[in-house]
Amino acid sequence: ESGFVFDPSSGATYTANRTGLLIIYALREGLSRAAVVARLRQSFRCPGADLESDVGEFSRLLVQQGLLPPEFSLDGEAPAQTAQAAVAAERT
């Protein structure tokens, strides 16, 4: 299963795999980094110690591509408002 991410301000679209979509939907729900990692572990049954850094890297990539605002961070309070407003994703 894959999907796409749409940037309404530029019209650009990006494809995302199932893992990327899970992260995007979790960010839109306002989940913390720990909650996103827990959801990944549960959904994919992966014990990997690198999940936290992978989630952080993916969110930085979304910021870099302009899909999340520059001030977005998973290191502070729950990111619900900025993520919900900025990221639109659809499953295909």
N, C-alpha and C. Protein backbone atom coordinates (compact mmCIF):
# COMPACT_ATOMS: atom_id res chain seq x y z
N GLU A 1 0.85 -1.17 0.00
CA GLU A 1 0.00 0.00 0.00
C GLU A 1 0.89 1.23 0.00
N SER A 2 0.54 2.18 -0.83
CA SER A 2 1.27 3.44 -0.86
C SER A 2 0.25 4.56 -0.98
N GLY A 3 0.75 5.76 -1.02
CA GLY A 3 -0.12 6.91 -1.12
C GLY A 3 0.67 8.09 -1.60
N PHE A 4 0.04 9.24 -1.55
CA PHE A 4 0.74 10.43 -1.97
C PHE A 4 0.52 11.55 -0.96
N VAL A 5 1.44 12.48 -0.97
CA VAL A 5 1.38 13.66 -0.12
C VAL A 5 1.27 14.85 -1.06
N PHE A 6 0.35 15.73 -0.81
CA PHE A 6 0.10 16.88 -1.68
C PHE A 6 0.42 18.17 -0.95
N ASP A 7 1.17 19.04 -1.61
CA ASP A 7 1.48 20.37 -1.08
C ASP A 7 0.57 21.36 -1.80
N PRO A 8 -0.50 21.82 -1.14
CA PRO A 8 -1.45 22.69 -1.82
C PRO A 8 -0.87 24.05 -2.22
N SER A 9 0.16 24.50 -1.54
CA SER A 9 0.72 25.81 -1.88
C SER A 9 1.53 25.78 -3.17
N SER A 10 2.18 24.64 -3.47
CA SER A 10 2.98 24.55 -4.69
C SER A 10 2.36 23.64 -5.74
N GLY A 11 1.43 22.80 -5.32
CA GLY A 11 0.85 21.83 -6.23
C GLY A 11 1.68 20.56 -6.39
N ALA A 12 2.80 20.48 -5.68
CA ALA A 12 3.68 19.32 -5.78
C ALA A 12 3.06 18.12 -5.08
N THR A 13 3.31 16.95 -5.64
CA THR A 13 2.89 15.71 -5.00
C THR A 13 4.10 14.82 -4.80
N TYR A 14 4.05 14.05 -3.75
CA TYR A 14 5.13 13.13 -3.40
C TYR A 14 4.50 11.79 -3.10
N THR A 15 5.18 10.71 -3.45
CA THR A 15 4.68 9.39 -3.09
C THR A 15 5.25 9.00 -1.73
N ALA A 16 4.49 8.22 -1.01
CA ALA A 16 4.92 7.75 0.31
C ALA A 16 4.56 6.28 0.42
N ASN A 17 5.46 5.52 1.01
CA ASN A 17 5.15 4.11 1.24
C ASN A 17 4.27 3.98 2.48
N ARG A 18 3.94 2.77 2.82
CA ARG A 18 3.04 2.51 3.95
C ARG A 18 3.59 3.08 5.27
N THR A 19 4.89 2.96 5.46
CA THR A 19 5.52 3.49 6.67
C THR A 19 5.41 5.00 6.72
N GLY A 20 5.72 5.65 5.59
CA GLY A 20 5.62 7.11 5.51
C GLY A 20 4.20 7.59 5.78
N LEU A 21 3.22 6.88 5.21
CA LEU A 21 1.82 7.27 5.46
C LEU A 21 1.46 7.14 6.92
N LEU A 22 1.91 6.06 7.55
CA LEU A 22 1.62 5.88 8.98
C LEU A 22 2.18 7.05 9.78
N ILE A 23 3.41 7.46 9.47
CA ILE A 23 4.02 8.59 10.19
C ILE A 23 3.23 9.86 9.93
N ILE A 24 2.88 10.10 8.68
CA ILE A 24 2.13 11.32 8.34
C ILE A 24 0.79 11.36 9.06
N TYR A 25 0.06 10.26 9.03
CA TYR A 25 -1.23 10.24 9.72
C TYR A 25 -1.05 10.42 11.23
N ALA A 26 -0.01 9.84 11.79
CA ALA A 26 0.25 10.01 13.23
C ALA A 26 0.58 11.47 13.55
N LEU A 27 1.34 12.11 12.69
CA LEU A 27 1.65 13.53 12.89
C LEU A 27 0.38 14.37 12.80
N ARG A 28 -0.48 14.04 11.86
CA ARG A 28 -1.74 14.78 11.74
C ARG A 28 -2.62 14.61 12.98
N GLU A 29 -2.49 13.47 13.65
CA GLU A 29 -3.23 13.23 14.89
C GLU A 29 -2.60 13.97 16.07
N GLY A 30 -1.40 14.50 15.87
CA GLY A 30 -0.74 15.22 16.94
C GLY A 30 0.03 14.34 17.90
N LEU A 31 0.38 13.14 17.46
CA LEU A 31 1.10 12.23 18.35
C LEU A 31 2.53 12.70 18.57
N SER A 32 3.04 12.39 19.73
CA SER A 32 4.44 12.69 20.06
C SER A 32 5.36 11.72 19.32
N ARG A 33 6.65 12.02 19.35
CA ARG A 33 7.64 11.12 18.72
C ARG A 33 7.52 9.71 19.31
N ALA A 34 7.42 9.62 20.64
CA ALA A 34 7.33 8.31 21.30
C ALA A 34 6.08 7.56 20.85
N ALA A 35 4.97 8.25 20.70
CA ALA A 35 3.73 7.61 20.28
C ALA A 35 3.81 7.16 18.83
N VAL A 36 4.46 7.95 17.97
CA VAL A 36 4.64 7.57 16.57
C VAL A 36 5.50 6.31 16.50
N VAL A 37 6.58 6.29 17.26
CA VAL A 37 7.48 5.13 17.28
C VAL A 37 6.72 3.89 17.79
N ALA A 38 5.93 4.06 18.82
CA ALA A 38 5.15 2.93 19.36
C ALA A 38 4.17 2.41 18.32
N ARG A 39 3.55 3.30 17.58
CA ARG A 39 2.61 2.87 16.54
C ARG A 39 3.35 2.12 15.42
N LEU A 40 4.52 2.60 15.05
CA LEU A 40 5.33 1.90 14.04
C LEU A 40 5.69 0.49 14.53
N ARG A 41 6.13 0.40 15.77
CA ARG A 41 6.50 -0.91 16.32
C ARG A 41 5.33 -1.87 16.33
N GLN A 42 4.16 -1.36 16.69
CA GLN A 42 2.97 -2.19 16.75
C GLN A 42 2.52 -2.59 15.34
N SER A 43 2.50 -1.64 14.42
CA SER A 43 1.99 -1.90 13.08
C SER A 43 2.89 -2.80 12.26
N PHE A 44 4.19 -2.65 12.44
CA PHE A 44 5.12 -3.39 11.60
C PHE A 44 5.91 -4.44 12.37
N ARG A 45 5.65 -4.55 13.67
CA ARG A 45 6.34 -5.53 14.50
C ARG A 45 7.85 -5.45 14.34
N CYS A 46 8.34 -4.22 14.42
CA CYS A 46 9.79 -4.02 14.26
C CYS A 46 10.38 -3.50 15.57
N PRO A 47 11.34 -4.21 16.12
CA PRO A 47 11.96 -3.81 17.37
C PRO A 47 13.10 -2.81 17.21
N GLY A 48 13.38 -2.38 15.98
CA GLY A 48 14.55 -1.57 15.67
C GLY A 48 14.78 -0.38 16.59
N ALA A 49 16.01 -0.25 17.02
CA ALA A 49 16.39 0.86 17.89
C ALA A 49 16.50 2.17 17.13
N ASP A 50 16.54 2.10 15.81
CA ASP A 50 16.70 3.30 15.00
C ASP A 50 15.39 4.00 14.68
N LEU A 51 14.28 3.46 15.14
CA LEU A 51 12.99 4.04 14.78
C LEU A 51 12.86 5.50 15.19
N GLU A 52 13.30 5.84 16.38
CA GLU A 52 13.18 7.23 16.83
C GLU A 52 13.92 8.18 15.91
N SER A 53 15.15 7.84 15.56
CA SER A 53 15.90 8.72 14.67
C SER A 53 15.31 8.71 13.27
N ASP A 54 14.77 7.57 12.82
CA ASP A 54 14.13 7.52 11.50
C ASP A 54 12.90 8.42 11.44
N VAL A 55 12.11 8.41 12.49
CA VAL A 55 10.92 9.28 12.55
C VAL A 55 11.36 10.75 12.54
N GLY A 56 12.37 11.07 13.30
CA GLY A 56 12.88 12.43 13.31
C GLY A 56 13.40 12.86 11.95
N GLU A 57 14.11 11.97 11.29
CA GLU A 57 14.65 12.26 9.95
C GLU A 57 13.53 12.45 8.94
N PHE A 58 12.50 11.62 9.01
CA PHE A 58 11.37 11.75 8.09
C PHE A 58 10.65 13.08 8.31
N SER A 59 10.45 13.46 9.57
CA SER A 59 9.77 14.74 9.83
C SER A 59 10.64 15.91 9.36
N ARG A 60 11.96 15.80 9.51
CA ARG A 60 12.85 16.86 8.99
C ARG A 60 12.77 16.94 7.46
N LEU A 61 12.63 15.79 6.81
CA LEU A 61 12.48 15.77 5.36
C LEU A 61 11.18 16.47 4.95
N LEU A 62 10.10 16.23 5.70
CA LEU A 62 8.83 16.91 5.41
C LEU A 62 8.97 18.42 5.57
N VAL A 63 9.71 18.85 6.58
CA VAL A 63 9.97 20.28 6.77
C VAL A 63 10.80 20.82 5.61
N GLN A 64 11.84 20.09 5.26
CA GLN A 64 12.74 20.51 4.17
C GLN A 64 11.97 20.66 2.85
N GLN A 65 11.02 19.79 2.60
CA GLN A 65 10.25 19.85 1.37
C GLN A 65 9.10 20.86 1.45
N GLY A 66 8.96 21.52 2.59
CA GLY A 66 7.92 22.52 2.76
C GLY A 66 6.55 21.95 3.08
N LEU A 67 6.51 20.68 3.45
CA LEU A 67 5.23 20.04 3.77
C LEU A 67 4.83 20.23 5.22
N LEU A 68 5.78 20.59 6.05
CA LEU A 68 5.54 21.01 7.43
C LEU A 68 6.23 22.35 7.61
N PRO A 69 5.71 23.18 8.48
CA PRO A 69 6.31 24.51 8.68
C PRO A 69 7.71 24.41 9.30
N PRO A 70 8.56 25.40 9.03
CA PRO A 70 9.94 25.37 9.52
C PRO A 70 10.06 25.21 11.03
N GLU A 71 9.09 25.70 11.77
CA GLU A 71 9.16 25.62 13.23
C GLU A 71 8.70 24.27 13.79
N PHE A 72 8.25 23.38 12.91
CA PHE A 72 7.77 22.08 13.36
C PHE A 72 8.89 21.28 14.01
N SER A 73 8.57 20.64 15.13
CA SER A 73 9.53 19.79 15.81
C SER A 73 8.79 18.72 16.59
N LEU A 74 9.35 17.54 16.61
CA LEU A 74 8.80 16.47 17.44
C LEU A 74 9.43 16.48 18.82
N ASP A 75 10.34 17.39 19.05
CA ASP A 75 11.06 17.41 20.32
C ASP A 75 10.35 18.21 21.40
N GLY A 76 9.35 19.00 21.03
CA GLY A 76 8.65 19.81 22.01
C GLY A 76 7.29 19.23 22.33
N GLU A 77 6.32 20.11 22.44
CA GLU A 77 4.95 19.71 22.73
C GLU A 77 4.35 18.96 21.55
N ALA A 78 3.19 18.38 21.74
CA ALA A 78 2.52 17.65 20.67
C ALA A 78 2.34 18.54 19.45
N PRO A 79 2.68 18.05 18.27
CA PRO A 79 2.71 18.86 17.07
C PRO A 79 1.38 18.95 16.33
N ALA A 80 0.28 18.71 16.99
CA ALA A 80 -1.00 18.55 16.31
C ALA A 80 -1.37 19.69 15.37
N GLN A 81 -1.36 20.91 15.83
CA GLN A 81 -1.87 22.00 15.01
C GLN A 81 -1.06 22.22 13.76
N THR A 82 0.26 22.25 13.86
CA THR A 82 1.06 22.50 12.67
C THR A 82 1.01 21.33 11.71
N ALA A 83 1.01 20.12 12.19
CA ALA A 83 0.98 18.97 11.30
C ALA A 83 -0.39 18.83 10.64
N GLN A 84 -1.46 19.04 11.39
CA GLN A 84 -2.79 18.89 10.83
C GLN A 84 -3.02 19.93 9.74
N ALA A 85 -2.51 21.11 9.92
CA ALA A 85 -2.73 22.16 8.95
C ALA A 85 -1.86 21.98 7.71
N ALA A 86 -0.71 21.36 7.84
CA ALA A 86 0.24 21.37 6.75
C ALA A 86 0.27 20.12 5.88
N VAL A 87 -0.04 18.98 6.40
CA VAL A 87 0.16 17.75 5.64
C VAL A 87 -1.16 17.17 5.19
N ALA A 88 -1.28 16.98 3.90
CA ALA A 88 -2.45 16.29 3.34
C ALA A 88 -1.97 15.02 2.69
N ALA A 89 -2.52 13.90 3.07
CA ALA A 89 -2.08 12.62 2.52
C ALA A 89 -3.29 11.79 2.15
N GLU A 90 -3.14 11.03 1.09
CA GLU A 90 -4.21 10.13 0.65
C GLU A 90 -3.61 8.77 0.35
N ARG A 91 -4.37 7.74 0.63
CA ARG A 91 -3.95 6.38 0.29
C ARG A 91 -4.39 6.08 -1.12
N THR A 92 -3.56 5.30 -1.81
CA THR A 92 -3.93 4.88 -3.16
C THR A 92 -3.97 3.38 -3.24
